[in-house]
Amino acid sequence: MTVTVVVLPTGLTVPVANGETILAALSRAGYTHTVGCRRGGCGMCKVDLRAGSIRYDGVVAESVLAAEERAAGTCLTCRAVPCGDVVVELRQDRLRRTNPFLPRTPGPT
């Protein structure tokens, strides 16, 4: 079964490998958005989970992602592992193409 992440507002769809984080899948596809430490300690990669569910295999501090934020659908792309197809929405940010030599994935850039 292929798991995907759809990134709003662009609608970019990227396949996610088993156990892969959303940020890692985007990076593998040649995209990024605003990120910081890449290990769940800063919260710069927060997005809104609009559909689907995620899990955290690594530690995410309450000071970075409060219980209220989790309940409201906020997630950290650097630690969030999709449990199936997910849709996330960027917060006042945009996707940036980081590697023009990788093949393009379906969806707008």
C-alpha atoms as a PDB file:
ATOM      1  CA  MET A   1       0.000   0.000   0.000  1.00  0.00           C
ATOM      2  CA  THR A   2       1.394   3.389  -0.997  1.00  0.00           C
ATOM      3  CA  VAL A   3       1.001   6.146   1.581  1.00  0.00           C
ATOM      4  CA  THR A   4       0.968   9.756   0.423  1.00  0.00           C
ATOM      5  CA  VAL A   5       1.091  13.217   1.894  1.00  0.00           C
ATOM      6  CA  VAL A   6      -0.779  16.041   0.160  1.00  0.00           C
ATOM      7  CA  VAL A   7       0.519  19.522   0.971  1.00  0.00           C
ATOM      8  CA  LEU A   8      -1.938  22.422   0.882  1.00  0.00           C
ATOM      9  CA  PRO A   9      -2.358  24.981  -0.511  1.00  0.00           C
ATOM     10  CA  THR A  10      -0.404  23.694  -3.540  1.00  0.00           C
ATOM     11  CA  GLY A  11      -1.884  20.204  -3.662  1.00  0.00           C
ATOM     12  CA  LEU A  12       1.547  18.609  -4.134  1.00  0.00           C
ATOM     13  CA  THR A  13       1.304  14.844  -3.529  1.00  0.00           C
ATOM     14  CA  VAL A  14       4.396  12.973  -2.366  1.00  0.00           C
ATOM     15  CA  PRO A  15       4.772   9.257  -1.591  1.00  0.00           C
ATOM     16  CA  VAL A  16       5.915   8.397   1.934  1.00  0.00           C
ATOM     17  CA  ALA A  17       8.059   5.340   2.636  1.00  0.00           C
ATOM     18  CA  ASN A  18       7.198   3.055   5.551  1.00  0.00           C
ATOM     19  CA  GLY A  19       8.316   4.751   8.775  1.00  0.00           C
ATOM     20  CA  GLU A  20       9.380   7.950   6.994  1.00  0.00           C
ATOM     21  CA  THR A  21       8.550  11.390   8.387  1.00  0.00           C
ATOM     22  CA  ILE A  22       6.627  13.952   6.359  1.00  0.00           C
ATOM     23  CA  LEU A  23       9.694  16.198   6.217  1.00  0.00           C
ATOM     24  CA  ALA A  24      11.929  13.349   5.018  1.00  0.00           C
ATOM     25  CA  ALA A  25       9.429  12.424   2.281  1.00  0.00           C
ATOM     26  CA  LEU A  26       9.268  16.035   1.093  1.00  0.00           C
ATOM     27  CA  SER A  27      13.048  16.292   1.144  1.00  0.00           C
ATOM     28  CA  ARG A  28      13.446  13.051  -0.828  1.00  0.00           C
ATOM     29  CA  ALA A  29      11.060  14.479  -3.427  1.00  0.00           C
ATOM     30  CA  GLY A  30      13.146  17.661  -3.629  1.00  0.00           C
ATOM     31  CA  TYR A  31      10.991  20.017  -1.548  1.00  0.00           C
ATOM     32  CA  THR A  32      11.179  21.787   1.776  1.00  0.00           C
ATOM     33  CA  HIS A  33       9.406  24.410   3.839  1.00  0.00           C
ATOM     34  CA  THR A  34      10.516  26.376   6.900  1.00  0.00           C
ATOM     35  CA  VAL A  35      12.368  24.048   9.246  1.00  0.00           C
ATOM     36  CA  GLY A  36      14.799  24.443  12.094  1.00  0.00           C
ATOM     37  CA  CYS A  37      16.475  21.757  14.153  1.00  0.00           C
ATOM     38  CA  ARG A  38      14.928  18.763  12.309  1.00  0.00           C
ATOM     39  CA  ARG A  39      14.624  16.762  15.545  1.00  0.00           C
ATOM     40  CA  GLY A  40      11.468  17.998  17.260  1.00  0.00           C
ATOM     41  CA  GLY A  41      13.069  20.609  19.477  1.00  0.00           C
ATOM     42  CA  CYS A  42      12.144  23.954  17.941  1.00  0.00           C
ATOM     43  CA  GLY A  43       8.657  23.778  16.421  1.00  0.00           C
ATOM     44  CA  MET A  44       9.539  25.719  13.264  1.00  0.00           C
ATOM     45  CA  CYS A  45       8.150  22.952  11.017  1.00  0.00           C
ATOM     46  CA  LYS A  46       4.630  23.042  12.465  1.00  0.00           C
ATOM     47  CA  VAL A  47       1.809  22.417   9.989  1.00  0.00           C
ATOM     48  CA  ASP A  48      -1.891  21.727  10.355  1.00  0.00           C
ATOM     49  CA  LEU A  49      -3.048  18.151   9.856  1.00  0.00           C
ATOM     50  CA  ARG A  50      -6.254  18.417   7.791  1.00  0.00           C
ATOM     51  CA  ALA A  51      -6.902  14.711   7.149  1.00  0.00           C
ATOM     52  CA  GLY A  52      -5.479  11.383   8.255  1.00  0.00           C
ATOM     53  CA  SER A  53      -3.458  10.520  11.317  1.00  0.00           C
ATOM     54  CA  ILE A  54       0.188  10.564  12.315  1.00  0.00           C
ATOM     55  CA  ARG A  55       2.377   9.101  15.035  1.00  0.00           C
ATOM     56  CA  TYR A  56       5.617  10.231  16.615  1.00  0.00           C
ATOM     57  CA  ASP A  57       8.386   7.646  16.807  1.00  0.00           C
ATOM     58  CA  GLY A  58      10.740  10.217  18.374  1.00  0.00           C
ATOM     59  CA  VAL A  59      10.323  12.419  21.403  1.00  0.00           C
ATOM     60  CA  VAL A  60       8.347  15.641  20.996  1.00  0.00           C
ATOM     61  CA  ALA A  61       8.537  17.952  24.010  1.00  0.00           C
ATOM     62  CA  GLU A  62       5.343  19.406  25.469  1.00  0.00           C
ATOM     63  CA  SER A  63       7.089  22.796  25.383  1.00  0.00           C
ATOM     64  CA  VAL A  64       7.367  22.496  21.586  1.00  0.00           C
ATOM     65  CA  LEU A  65       3.964  20.951  20.850  1.00  0.00           C
ATOM     66  CA  ALA A  66       1.418  21.368  23.620  1.00  0.00           C
ATOM     67  CA  ALA A  67      -1.439  18.913  24.135  1.00  0.00           C
ATOM     68  CA  GLU A  68      -3.913  21.581  22.988  1.00  0.00           C
ATOM     69  CA  GLU A  69      -2.025  22.003  19.718  1.00  0.00           C
ATOM     70  CA  ARG A  70      -1.919  18.247  19.143  1.00  0.00           C
ATOM     71  CA  ALA A  71      -5.654  18.030  19.782  1.00  0.00           C
ATOM     72  CA  ALA A  72      -6.236  20.850  17.284  1.00  0.00           C
ATOM     73  CA  GLY A  73      -4.294  18.980  14.582  1.00  0.00           C
ATOM     74  CA  THR A  74      -0.923  20.702  14.724  1.00  0.00           C
ATOM     75  CA  CYS A  75       2.003  18.436  13.918  1.00  0.00           C
ATOM     76  CA  LEU A  76       5.760  18.638  13.438  1.00  0.00           C
ATOM     77  CA  THR A  77       6.786  17.479   9.973  1.00  0.00           C
ATOM     78  CA  CYS A  78      10.257  16.519  11.224  1.00  0.00           C
ATOM     79  CA  ARG A  79       8.800  13.904  13.605  1.00  0.00           C
ATOM     80  CA  ALA A  80       5.340  13.099  12.175  1.00  0.00           C
ATOM     81  CA  VAL A  81       5.092   9.658  10.564  1.00  0.00           C
ATOM     82  CA  PRO A  82       1.839   9.164   8.609  1.00  0.00           C
ATOM     83  CA  CYS A  83      -0.366   6.222   9.637  1.00  0.00           C
ATOM     84  CA  GLY A  84      -1.937   6.275   6.156  1.00  0.00           C
ATOM     85  CA  ASP A  85      -2.633   9.001   3.616  1.00  0.00           C
ATOM     86  CA  VAL A  86      -2.499  12.476   5.155  1.00  0.00           C
ATOM     87  CA  VAL A  87      -3.242  16.037   4.126  1.00  0.00           C
ATOM     88  CA  VAL A  88      -1.282  18.848   5.771  1.00  0.00           C
ATOM     89  CA  GLU A  89      -1.549  22.592   5.328  1.00  0.00           C
ATOM     90  CA  LEU A  90       1.397  24.947   5.548  1.00  0.00           C
ATOM     91  CA  ARG A  91       1.196  27.981   7.809  1.00  0.00           C
ATOM     92  CA  GLN A  92       2.038  31.232   6.010  1.00  0.00           C
ATOM     93  CA  ASP A  93       4.770  29.380   4.190  1.00  0.00           C
ATOM     94  CA  ARG A  94       5.327  27.832   0.808  1.00  0.00           C
ATOM     95  CA  LEU A  95       7.062  24.774  -0.535  1.00  0.00           C
ATOM     96  CA  ARG A  96      10.432  25.391  -2.085  1.00  0.00           C
ATOM     97  CA  ARG A  97      12.104  23.134  -4.644  1.00  0.00           C
ATOM     98  CA  THR A  98      15.510  22.196  -3.255  1.00  0.00           C
ATOM     99  CA  ASN A  99      16.818  19.872  -5.935  1.00  0.00           C
ATOM    100  CA  PRO A 100      15.872  20.630  -9.536  1.00  0.00           C
ATOM    101  CA  PHE A 101      17.617  17.415 -10.687  1.00  0.00           C
ATOM    102  CA  LEU A 102      15.219  15.076  -8.895  1.00  0.00           C
ATOM    103  CA  PRO A 103      12.219  13.951 -10.951  1.00  0.00           C
ATOM    104  CA  ARG A 104       9.134  16.040 -10.444  1.00  0.00           C
ATOM    105  CA  THR A 105       6.336  14.526  -8.412  1.00  0.00           C
ATOM    106  CA  PRO A 106       2.691  14.900  -9.419  1.00  0.00           C
ATOM    107  CA  GLY A 107       1.059  18.149  -8.387  1.00  0.00           C
ATOM    108  CA  PRO A 108       1.783  21.878  -8.598  1.00  0.00           C
ATOM    109  CA  THR A 109       5.129  23.266  -7.457  1.00  0.00           C
END
